[in-house]
């Protein structure tokens, strides 16, 4: 909450300091590709990450890989995506996460409308 005392005409015509005003431009959305390795298939990892991503207000997709891992692409504010990445290091109760690979990028706009579970694909080994 910003309060100013105004004394005289000159002070009344001064502009507010830009550093005290809320930003009028939201931050540029980020995108993260997450590869999760370990016991992550058959343990509700995809359904759980979808629930977590939607709870956080993120968009993207998740799918099983033929190499036994799970791959996800999520988009949204960087800070929120970092929460999802931290969640992926633990995963749902029945999973055992051995390794999480993360690849960040910036995007001009969100490329997805929701967070969905996709079909399994061939994974790079």
N, C-alpha and C. Protein backbone atom coordinates (compact mmCIF):
# COMPACT_ATOMS: atom_id res chain seq x y z
N UNK A 1 0.85 -1.17 0.00
CA UNK A 1 0.00 0.00 0.00
C UNK A 1 0.89 1.23 0.00
N UNK A 2 0.67 2.13 -0.95
CA UNK A 2 1.51 3.31 -1.11
C UNK A 2 0.73 4.54 -0.68
N UNK A 3 1.29 5.31 0.26
CA UNK A 3 0.68 6.57 0.70
C UNK A 3 1.67 7.68 0.42
N UNK A 4 1.15 8.77 -0.10
CA UNK A 4 1.99 9.93 -0.32
C UNK A 4 1.32 11.14 0.29
N UNK A 5 2.12 11.99 0.91
CA UNK A 5 1.61 13.28 1.35
C UNK A 5 1.93 14.26 0.23
N UNK A 6 0.96 15.03 -0.13
CA UNK A 6 1.16 15.97 -1.23
C UNK A 6 1.13 17.38 -0.66
N UNK A 7 2.23 18.10 -0.88
CA UNK A 7 2.36 19.48 -0.43
C UNK A 7 2.55 20.37 -1.64
N UNK A 8 1.60 21.20 -1.91
CA UNK A 8 1.74 22.17 -3.00
C UNK A 8 1.52 21.58 -4.37
N UNK A 9 1.44 22.46 -5.36
CA UNK A 9 1.12 22.09 -6.73
C UNK A 9 2.21 21.23 -7.37
N UNK A 10 3.47 21.54 -7.16
CA UNK A 10 4.55 20.79 -7.80
C UNK A 10 4.53 19.33 -7.40
N UNK A 11 4.35 19.06 -6.13
CA UNK A 11 4.31 17.66 -5.67
C UNK A 11 3.09 16.94 -6.20
N UNK A 12 1.99 17.65 -6.35
CA UNK A 12 0.76 17.03 -6.83
C UNK A 12 0.86 16.61 -8.28
N UNK A 13 1.75 17.24 -9.06
CA UNK A 13 1.87 16.90 -10.47
C UNK A 13 2.99 15.92 -10.74
N UNK A 14 3.73 15.54 -9.74
CA UNK A 14 4.81 14.57 -9.95
C UNK A 14 4.23 13.19 -10.23
N UNK A 15 4.93 12.48 -11.09
CA UNK A 15 4.51 11.12 -11.39
C UNK A 15 4.98 10.17 -10.28
N UNK A 16 4.20 9.11 -10.02
CA UNK A 16 4.65 8.13 -9.03
C UNK A 16 5.94 7.45 -9.51
N UNK A 17 6.74 7.02 -8.61
CA UNK A 17 7.98 6.33 -8.96
C UNK A 17 7.65 4.98 -9.60
N UNK A 18 8.21 4.69 -10.79
CA UNK A 18 7.90 3.43 -11.47
C UNK A 18 8.26 2.20 -10.64
N UNK A 19 9.31 2.30 -9.82
CA UNK A 19 9.72 1.14 -9.03
C UNK A 19 8.74 0.83 -7.90
N UNK A 20 7.80 1.74 -7.61
CA UNK A 20 6.82 1.50 -6.55
C UNK A 20 5.48 1.02 -7.11
N UNK A 21 5.35 1.05 -8.42
CA UNK A 21 4.09 0.64 -9.05
C UNK A 21 4.13 -0.84 -9.39
N UNK A 22 2.97 -1.52 -9.38
CA UNK A 22 2.96 -2.91 -9.81
C UNK A 22 3.28 -2.98 -11.30
N UNK A 23 3.93 -4.03 -11.71
CA UNK A 23 4.30 -4.21 -13.10
C UNK A 23 3.05 -4.35 -13.96
N UNK A 24 3.02 -3.64 -15.08
CA UNK A 24 1.88 -3.74 -15.99
C UNK A 24 2.07 -4.86 -16.99
N UNK A 25 3.26 -5.43 -17.05
CA UNK A 25 3.53 -6.51 -17.98
C UNK A 25 3.83 -7.79 -17.22
N UNK A 26 3.04 -8.84 -17.44
CA UNK A 26 3.35 -10.11 -16.77
C UNK A 26 4.67 -10.66 -17.29
N UNK A 27 5.36 -11.48 -16.50
CA UNK A 27 6.63 -12.02 -16.96
C UNK A 27 6.43 -12.92 -18.17
N UNK A 28 7.46 -13.02 -19.01
CA UNK A 28 7.43 -13.88 -20.19
C UNK A 28 7.27 -15.33 -19.72
N UNK A 29 6.37 -16.09 -20.34
CA UNK A 29 6.22 -17.48 -19.91
C UNK A 29 7.47 -18.30 -20.25
N UNK A 30 7.72 -19.30 -19.46
CA UNK A 30 8.83 -20.22 -19.70
C UNK A 30 8.28 -21.58 -20.09
N UNK A 31 9.17 -22.39 -20.62
CA UNK A 31 8.84 -23.76 -20.96
C UNK A 31 9.92 -24.65 -20.39
N UNK A 32 9.52 -25.81 -19.88
CA UNK A 32 10.50 -26.75 -19.36
C UNK A 32 10.17 -28.15 -19.88
N UNK A 33 11.21 -28.85 -20.33
CA UNK A 33 11.09 -30.26 -20.72
C UNK A 33 11.71 -31.05 -19.59
N UNK A 34 10.94 -32.01 -19.06
CA UNK A 34 11.38 -32.79 -17.91
C UNK A 34 11.42 -34.26 -18.30
N UNK A 35 12.56 -34.91 -18.09
CA UNK A 35 12.68 -36.36 -18.26
C UNK A 35 12.91 -36.96 -16.89
N UNK A 36 12.04 -37.89 -16.51
CA UNK A 36 12.14 -38.51 -15.19
C UNK A 36 12.49 -39.98 -15.39
N UNK A 37 13.54 -40.44 -14.69
CA UNK A 37 14.00 -41.83 -14.79
C UNK A 37 13.84 -42.51 -13.44
N UNK A 38 13.60 -43.81 -13.47
CA UNK A 38 13.43 -44.61 -12.26
C UNK A 38 12.19 -45.47 -12.39
N UNK A 39 11.58 -45.81 -11.28
CA UNK A 39 10.32 -46.54 -11.30
C UNK A 39 9.21 -45.50 -11.39
N UNK A 40 8.90 -45.13 -12.65
CA UNK A 40 7.97 -44.03 -12.88
C UNK A 40 6.83 -44.41 -13.83
N UNK A 41 6.81 -45.67 -14.28
CA UNK A 41 5.69 -46.14 -15.10
C UNK A 41 4.92 -47.19 -14.31
N UNK A 42 3.61 -47.18 -14.45
CA UNK A 42 2.76 -48.11 -13.72
C UNK A 42 2.56 -47.73 -12.26
N UNK A 43 2.89 -46.47 -11.92
CA UNK A 43 2.77 -45.99 -10.53
C UNK A 43 1.97 -44.68 -10.47
N UNK A 44 1.19 -44.43 -11.52
CA UNK A 44 0.34 -43.23 -11.60
C UNK A 44 1.13 -41.93 -11.70
N UNK A 45 2.35 -42.00 -12.24
CA UNK A 45 3.16 -40.79 -12.37
C UNK A 45 2.52 -39.80 -13.32
N UNK A 46 2.08 -40.27 -14.50
CA UNK A 46 1.49 -39.35 -15.49
C UNK A 46 0.22 -38.69 -14.94
N UNK A 47 -0.66 -39.48 -14.35
CA UNK A 47 -1.90 -38.91 -13.80
C UNK A 47 -1.58 -37.93 -12.66
N UNK A 48 -0.58 -38.26 -11.86
CA UNK A 48 -0.23 -37.40 -10.73
C UNK A 48 0.41 -36.10 -11.17
N UNK A 49 1.29 -36.16 -12.17
CA UNK A 49 1.92 -34.92 -12.64
C UNK A 49 0.87 -34.04 -13.33
N UNK A 50 -0.09 -34.66 -14.01
CA UNK A 50 -1.18 -33.88 -14.62
C UNK A 50 -1.97 -33.15 -13.53
N UNK A 51 -2.30 -33.84 -12.46
CA UNK A 51 -3.03 -33.22 -11.36
C UNK A 51 -2.23 -32.09 -10.75
N UNK A 52 -0.95 -32.30 -10.52
CA UNK A 52 -0.08 -31.28 -9.93
C UNK A 52 0.05 -30.07 -10.86
N UNK A 53 0.28 -30.32 -12.14
CA UNK A 53 0.44 -29.22 -13.10
C UNK A 53 -0.84 -28.39 -13.19
N UNK A 54 -1.98 -29.05 -13.21
CA UNK A 54 -3.25 -28.32 -13.27
C UNK A 54 -3.49 -27.53 -11.99
N UNK A 55 -3.11 -28.11 -10.84
CA UNK A 55 -3.24 -27.39 -9.57
C UNK A 55 -2.41 -26.12 -9.58
N UNK A 56 -1.25 -26.18 -10.23
CA UNK A 56 -0.35 -25.04 -10.31
C UNK A 56 -0.73 -24.07 -11.43
N UNK A 57 -1.71 -24.44 -12.26
CA UNK A 57 -2.14 -23.57 -13.35
C UNK A 57 -1.24 -23.63 -14.58
N UNK A 58 -0.52 -24.73 -14.75
CA UNK A 58 0.39 -24.89 -15.89
C UNK A 58 -0.29 -25.61 -17.04
N UNK A 59 0.27 -25.47 -18.23
CA UNK A 59 -0.23 -26.17 -19.41
C UNK A 59 0.90 -27.00 -20.00
N UNK A 60 0.53 -28.03 -20.79
CA UNK A 60 1.54 -28.87 -21.43
C UNK A 60 1.06 -30.29 -21.57
N UNK A 61 2.00 -31.24 -21.51
CA UNK A 61 1.66 -32.65 -21.66
C UNK A 61 2.67 -33.53 -20.95
N UNK A 62 2.29 -34.78 -20.75
CA UNK A 62 3.18 -35.79 -20.17
C UNK A 62 2.92 -37.11 -20.88
N UNK A 63 3.96 -37.91 -21.06
CA UNK A 63 3.81 -39.22 -21.71
C UNK A 63 4.89 -40.19 -21.22
N UNK A 64 4.59 -41.47 -21.33
CA UNK A 64 5.57 -42.51 -21.06
C UNK A 64 6.52 -42.61 -22.24
N UNK A 65 7.75 -42.99 -21.94
CA UNK A 65 8.75 -43.26 -22.99
C UNK A 65 9.03 -44.75 -23.00
N UNK A 66 9.38 -45.24 -24.16
CA UNK A 66 9.65 -46.68 -24.28
C UNK A 66 10.91 -47.09 -23.53
N UNK A 67 11.76 -46.14 -23.14
CA UNK A 67 12.95 -46.47 -22.36
C UNK A 67 12.65 -46.61 -20.87
N UNK A 68 11.35 -46.51 -20.49
CA UNK A 68 10.95 -46.68 -19.09
C UNK A 68 10.79 -45.39 -18.33
N UNK A 69 11.14 -44.26 -18.95
CA UNK A 69 11.02 -42.97 -18.29
C UNK A 69 9.70 -42.29 -18.59
N UNK A 70 9.55 -41.13 -18.03
CA UNK A 70 8.39 -40.27 -18.28
C UNK A 70 8.94 -38.93 -18.77
N UNK A 71 8.30 -38.39 -19.80
CA UNK A 71 8.68 -37.10 -20.36
C UNK A 71 7.51 -36.14 -20.22
N UNK A 72 7.81 -34.90 -19.85
CA UNK A 72 6.77 -33.88 -19.74
C UNK A 72 7.30 -32.57 -20.31
N UNK A 73 6.40 -31.80 -20.90
CA UNK A 73 6.68 -30.43 -21.29
C UNK A 73 5.61 -29.58 -20.62
N UNK A 74 6.05 -28.58 -19.87
CA UNK A 74 5.11 -27.70 -19.16
C UNK A 74 5.48 -26.26 -19.45
N UNK A 75 4.44 -25.41 -19.45
CA UNK A 75 4.65 -23.98 -19.70
C UNK A 75 3.88 -23.15 -18.69
N UNK A 76 4.45 -21.99 -18.36
CA UNK A 76 3.84 -21.08 -17.41
C UNK A 76 4.91 -20.20 -16.79
N UNK A 77 4.62 -19.55 -15.68
CA UNK A 77 5.63 -18.72 -15.01
C UNK A 77 6.79 -19.58 -14.49
N UNK A 78 8.00 -19.08 -14.64
CA UNK A 78 9.21 -19.82 -14.26
C UNK A 78 9.14 -20.33 -12.81
N UNK A 79 8.70 -19.47 -11.88
CA UNK A 79 8.66 -19.86 -10.47
C UNK A 79 7.72 -21.04 -10.25
N UNK A 80 6.61 -21.05 -10.96
CA UNK A 80 5.64 -22.14 -10.82
C UNK A 80 6.17 -23.42 -11.45
N UNK A 81 6.85 -23.28 -12.58
CA UNK A 81 7.46 -24.44 -13.22
C UNK A 81 8.53 -25.06 -12.30
N UNK A 82 9.25 -24.23 -11.58
CA UNK A 82 10.25 -24.74 -10.64
C UNK A 82 9.59 -25.59 -9.55
N UNK A 83 8.38 -25.21 -9.13
CA UNK A 83 7.63 -26.04 -8.17
C UNK A 83 7.33 -27.41 -8.76
N UNK A 84 6.93 -27.45 -10.03
CA UNK A 84 6.64 -28.73 -10.68
C UNK A 84 7.90 -29.58 -10.79
N UNK A 85 9.01 -28.97 -11.12
CA UNK A 85 10.28 -29.71 -11.21
C UNK A 85 10.64 -30.30 -9.85
N UNK A 86 10.47 -29.52 -8.77
CA UNK A 86 10.75 -30.06 -7.43
C UNK A 86 9.83 -31.25 -7.13
N UNK A 87 8.56 -31.15 -7.52
CA UNK A 87 7.61 -32.24 -7.31
C UNK A 87 8.09 -33.49 -8.06
N UNK A 88 8.62 -33.32 -9.27
CA UNK A 88 9.06 -34.46 -10.08
C UNK A 88 10.22 -35.22 -9.44
N UNK A 89 11.01 -34.57 -8.61
CA UNK A 89 12.10 -35.25 -7.92
C UNK A 89 11.57 -36.24 -6.88
N UNK A 90 10.33 -36.08 -6.47
CA UNK A 90 9.71 -36.98 -5.49
C UNK A 90 8.67 -37.86 -6.16
N UNK A 91 7.76 -37.25 -6.92
CA UNK A 91 6.72 -38.00 -7.62
C UNK A 91 5.65 -38.52 -6.69
N UNK A 92 4.74 -39.34 -7.24
CA UNK A 92 3.68 -39.92 -6.42
C UNK A 92 4.24 -40.99 -5.47
N UNK A 93 3.46 -41.39 -4.46
CA UNK A 93 3.96 -42.29 -3.42
C UNK A 93 4.57 -43.61 -3.91
N UNK A 94 4.04 -44.22 -4.97
CA UNK A 94 4.54 -45.53 -5.40
C UNK A 94 5.75 -45.43 -6.33
N UNK A 95 6.14 -44.22 -6.73
CA UNK A 95 7.26 -44.07 -7.64
C UNK A 95 8.59 -44.06 -6.88
N UNK A 96 9.67 -44.31 -7.64
CA UNK A 96 11.03 -44.17 -7.12
C UNK A 96 11.83 -43.43 -8.18
N UNK A 97 12.04 -42.14 -7.96
CA UNK A 97 12.72 -41.30 -8.93
C UNK A 97 14.23 -41.42 -8.73
N UNK A 98 14.93 -41.83 -9.80
CA UNK A 98 16.40 -41.95 -9.76
C UNK A 98 17.08 -40.70 -10.30
N UNK A 99 16.49 -40.10 -11.33
CA UNK A 99 17.13 -38.95 -11.97
C UNK A 99 16.06 -38.10 -12.66
N UNK A 100 16.28 -36.78 -12.64
CA UNK A 100 15.41 -35.84 -13.35
C UNK A 100 16.29 -34.95 -14.21
N UNK A 101 16.02 -34.95 -15.52
CA UNK A 101 16.72 -34.07 -16.45
C UNK A 101 15.78 -32.92 -16.80
N UNK A 102 16.32 -31.70 -16.84
CA UNK A 102 15.50 -30.52 -17.06
C UNK A 102 16.15 -29.66 -18.13
N UNK A 103 15.33 -29.20 -19.08
CA UNK A 103 15.80 -28.32 -20.15
C UNK A 103 14.85 -27.13 -20.23
N UNK A 104 15.36 -25.91 -19.94
CA UNK A 104 14.54 -24.69 -19.89
C UNK A 104 14.60 -23.93 -21.20
N UNK A 105 13.51 -23.23 -21.52
CA UNK A 105 13.50 -22.28 -22.63
C UNK A 105 12.42 -21.24 -22.37
N UNK A 106 12.54 -20.10 -23.05
CA UNK A 106 11.54 -19.04 -22.96
C UNK A 106 10.62 -19.16 -24.17
N UNK A 107 9.36 -18.82 -24.01
CA UNK A 107 8.41 -18.84 -25.11
C UNK A 107 7.71 -17.49 -25.18
N UNK A 108 7.28 -17.11 -26.38
CA UNK A 108 6.58 -15.84 -26.55
C UNK A 108 5.16 -15.91 -26.00
N UNK A 109 4.55 -17.08 -26.13
CA UNK A 109 3.18 -17.28 -25.62
C UNK A 109 3.01 -18.75 -25.31
N UNK A 110 2.00 -19.07 -24.52
CA UNK A 110 1.73 -20.46 -24.18
C UNK A 110 1.26 -21.20 -25.42
N UNK A 111 1.77 -22.42 -25.61
CA UNK A 111 1.46 -23.20 -26.81
C UNK A 111 0.36 -24.23 -26.58
N UNK A 112 -0.12 -24.36 -25.35
CA UNK A 112 -1.13 -25.36 -25.00
C UNK A 112 -2.28 -24.70 -24.26
N UNK A 113 -3.43 -25.37 -24.25
CA UNK A 113 -4.60 -24.84 -23.55
C UNK A 113 -4.82 -25.49 -22.19
N UNK A 114 -4.23 -26.67 -21.99
CA UNK A 114 -4.43 -27.43 -20.75
C UNK A 114 -3.21 -28.32 -20.56
N UNK A 115 -3.21 -29.09 -19.48
CA UNK A 115 -2.16 -30.09 -19.26
C UNK A 115 -2.80 -31.45 -19.45
N UNK A 116 -2.26 -32.24 -20.40
CA UNK A 116 -2.89 -33.50 -20.77
C UNK A 116 -1.89 -34.65 -20.74
N UNK A 117 -2.43 -35.86 -20.66
CA UNK A 117 -1.62 -37.08 -20.76
C UNK A 117 -1.61 -37.49 -22.22
N UNK A 118 -0.40 -37.67 -22.77
CA UNK A 118 -0.25 -38.07 -24.17
C UNK A 118 0.08 -39.55 -24.29
N UNK A 119 0.17 -40.00 -25.53
CA UNK A 119 0.49 -41.39 -25.81
C UNK A 119 1.99 -41.65 -25.65
N UNK A 120 2.34 -42.90 -25.35
CA UNK A 120 3.75 -43.29 -25.19
C UNK A 120 4.46 -43.15 -26.53
N UNK A 121 5.75 -42.79 -26.44
CA UNK A 121 6.57 -42.65 -27.64
C UNK A 121 7.94 -43.26 -27.41
N UNK A 122 8.65 -43.52 -28.50
CA UNK A 122 10.02 -43.99 -28.44
C UNK A 122 10.88 -42.96 -27.74
N UNK A 123 11.61 -43.34 -26.73
CA UNK A 123 12.47 -42.40 -26.02
C UNK A 123 13.92 -42.58 -26.41
N UNK A 124 14.67 -41.49 -26.35
CA UNK A 124 16.10 -41.58 -26.61
C UNK A 124 16.75 -42.25 -25.42
N UNK A 125 17.71 -43.11 -25.67
CA UNK A 125 18.34 -43.85 -24.60
C UNK A 125 19.44 -43.17 -23.91
